[in-house]
C-alpha atoms as a PDB file:
ATOM      1  CA  MET A   1       1.176 -11.827   8.474  1.00  0.00           C
ATOM      2  CA  GLU A   2      -1.762 -13.169   7.797  1.00  0.00           C
ATOM      3  CA  SER A   3      -3.478 -11.789   4.410  1.00  0.00           C
ATOM      4  CA  LEU A   4      -7.422 -12.786   4.566  1.00  0.00           C
ATOM      5  CA  LYS A   5      -9.551 -13.878   1.133  1.00  0.00           C
ATOM      6  CA  ALA A   6     -11.759 -10.806  -0.030  1.00  0.00           C
ATOM      7  CA  MET A   7     -15.044 -10.399   0.829  1.00  0.00           C
ATOM      8  CA  SER A   8     -16.346  -9.023  -2.347  1.00  0.00           C
ATOM      9  CA  ARG A   9     -19.706  -9.858  -4.312  1.00  0.00           C
ATOM     10  CA  LYS A  10     -18.651 -12.315  -8.057  1.00  0.00           C
ATOM     11  CA  SER A  11     -17.740 -10.518 -10.634  1.00  0.00           C
ATOM     12  CA  ASN A  12     -17.372  -6.685  -8.783  1.00  0.00           C
ATOM     13  CA  TYR A  13     -13.344  -5.938  -9.195  1.00  0.00           C
ATOM     14  CA  LEU A  14     -14.689  -2.165  -7.407  1.00  0.00           C
ATOM     15  CA  ASP A  15     -14.872  -3.313  -3.994  1.00  0.00           C
ATOM     16  CA  ASN A  16     -10.966  -4.298  -4.181  1.00  0.00           C
ATOM     17  CA  GLY A  17      -9.609  -1.661  -6.487  1.00  0.00           C
ATOM     18  CA  ARG A  18      -8.184   0.346  -4.114  1.00  0.00           C
ATOM     19  CA  ILE A  19      -5.882  -1.842  -2.819  1.00  0.00           C
ATOM     20  CA  LYS A  20      -5.094  -3.657  -5.559  1.00  0.00           C
ATOM     21  CA  GLY A  21      -3.993  -0.203  -6.173  1.00  0.00           C
ATOM     22  CA  PHE A  22      -1.603  -0.442  -3.315  1.00  0.00           C
ATOM     23  CA  PHE A  23      -0.250  -3.814  -3.638  1.00  0.00           C
ATOM     24  CA  GLY A  24       0.672  -2.694  -7.412  1.00  0.00           C
ATOM     25  CA  VAL A  25       2.289   0.103  -6.274  1.00  0.00           C
ATOM     26  CA  LEU A  26       3.994  -1.610  -3.445  1.00  0.00           C
ATOM     27  CA  LYS A  27       5.653  -4.452  -6.277  1.00  0.00           C
ATOM     28  CA  ARG A  28       6.525  -1.877  -8.135  1.00  0.00           C
ATOM     29  CA  GLU A  29       8.176  -0.147  -5.359  1.00  0.00           C
ATOM     30  CA  MET A  30       9.960  -2.350  -3.207  1.00  0.00           C
ATOM     31  CA  VAL A  31       9.142  -5.701  -4.561  1.00  0.00           C
ATOM     32  CA  TYR A  32      11.119  -6.131  -8.576  1.00  0.00           C
ATOM     33  CA  GLY A  33      14.420  -6.235  -8.631  1.00  0.00           C
ATOM     34  CA  PHE A  34      15.071  -6.696  -4.826  1.00  0.00           C
ATOM     35  CA  GLU A  35      13.869  -9.696  -4.452  1.00  0.00           C
ATOM     36  CA  ILE A  36      17.013 -11.542  -2.626  1.00  0.00           C
ATOM     37  CA  GLN A  37      17.611  -8.588  -0.391  1.00  0.00           C
ATOM     38  CA  PHE A  38      15.654 -10.420   2.735  1.00  0.00           C
ATOM     39  CA  LYS A  39      17.009 -13.605   3.956  1.00  0.00           C
ATOM     40  CA  ASN A  40      13.842 -14.349   5.999  1.00  0.00           C
ATOM     41  CA  LEU A  41      10.429 -13.672   6.058  1.00  0.00           C
ATOM     42  CA  ASN A  42      10.673 -11.540   9.157  1.00  0.00           C
ATOM     43  CA  GLU A  43      12.841  -8.659   7.041  1.00  0.00           C
ATOM     44  CA  LEU A  44      10.667  -8.280   4.329  1.00  0.00           C
ATOM     45  CA  LYS A  45       7.239  -8.080   7.485  1.00  0.00           C
ATOM     46  CA  LYS A  46       9.539  -5.567   8.716  1.00  0.00           C
ATOM     47  CA  ALA A  47      10.141  -4.015   5.027  1.00  0.00           C
ATOM     48  CA  ILE A  48       6.922  -4.063   4.393  1.00  0.00           C
ATOM     49  CA  ASN A  49       5.586  -2.306   7.298  1.00  0.00           C
ATOM     50  CA  LYS A  50       8.024   0.277   7.320  1.00  0.00           C
ATOM     51  CA  HIS A  51       7.044   1.271   3.334  1.00  0.00           C
ATOM     52  CA  ILE A  52       2.922   1.143   4.020  1.00  0.00           C
ATOM     53  CA  SER A  53       4.924   4.325   7.067  1.00  0.00           C
ATOM     54  CA  ASN A  54       6.259   6.088   4.975  1.00  0.00           C
ATOM     55  CA  TYR A  55       3.095   5.432   1.732  1.00  0.00           C
ATOM     56  CA  ASN A  56       1.053   7.690   4.209  1.00  0.00           C
ATOM     57  CA  LYS A  57       3.320   9.963   6.221  1.00  0.00           C
ATOM     58  CA  LEU A  58       5.867  10.988   3.669  1.00  0.00           C
ATOM     59  CA  ARG A  59       4.586  10.528   0.276  1.00  0.00           C
ATOM     60  CA  SER A  60       2.259  13.082  -1.289  1.00  0.00           C
ATOM     61  CA  SER A  61       0.596  12.524  -4.956  1.00  0.00           C
ATOM     62  CA  ALA A  62      -0.274  14.675  -7.519  1.00  0.00           C
ATOM     63  CA  LYS A  63      -3.408  12.631  -7.213  1.00  0.00           C
ATOM     64  CA  LEU A  64      -4.867  14.190  -3.207  1.00  0.00           C
ATOM     65  CA  LYS A  65      -3.561  17.845  -4.069  1.00  0.00           C
ATOM     66  CA  GLY A  66       0.157  17.870  -3.141  1.00  0.00           C
ATOM     67  CA  LEU A  67      -0.151  16.189  -0.242  1.00  0.00           C
ATOM     68  CA  ILE A  68       0.151  12.589   1.987  1.00  0.00           C
ATOM     69  CA  PRO A  69      -2.705  10.213   2.715  1.00  0.00           C
ATOM     70  CA  ILE A  70      -2.720  11.216   6.759  1.00  0.00           C
ATOM     71  CA  GLU A  71      -3.098  14.932   5.270  1.00  0.00           C
ATOM     72  CA  TYR A  72      -5.120  14.269   2.790  1.00  0.00           C
ATOM     73  CA  ARG A  73      -7.911  11.898   4.995  1.00  0.00           C
ATOM     74  CA  LYS A  74      -7.583  15.025   7.803  1.00  0.00           C
ATOM     75  CA  ILE A  75      -9.250  17.705   5.034  1.00  0.00           C
ATOM     76  CA  SER A  76     -12.086  15.542   3.175  1.00  0.00           C
ATOM     77  CA  SER A  77     -13.366  14.250   6.493  1.00  0.00           C
ATOM     78  CA  GLN A  78     -14.068  17.860   7.605  1.00  0.00           C
END
């Protein structure tokens, strides 16, 4: 898994706000306290993909009116 350098303008923190929030949740829910759980990079990649899938398809949020992100996006785009 490769990461790309952020391409935001200098001193414009709003460009990266959503992704920083996502990685904050990812670290809080999956990384901190689980450092020794992954034996290699491949296991970590699988766990991250599973977490992203669960985040989008199963996890409801009060900020999204109790909906999961996929449902909220559908309603918001109509």
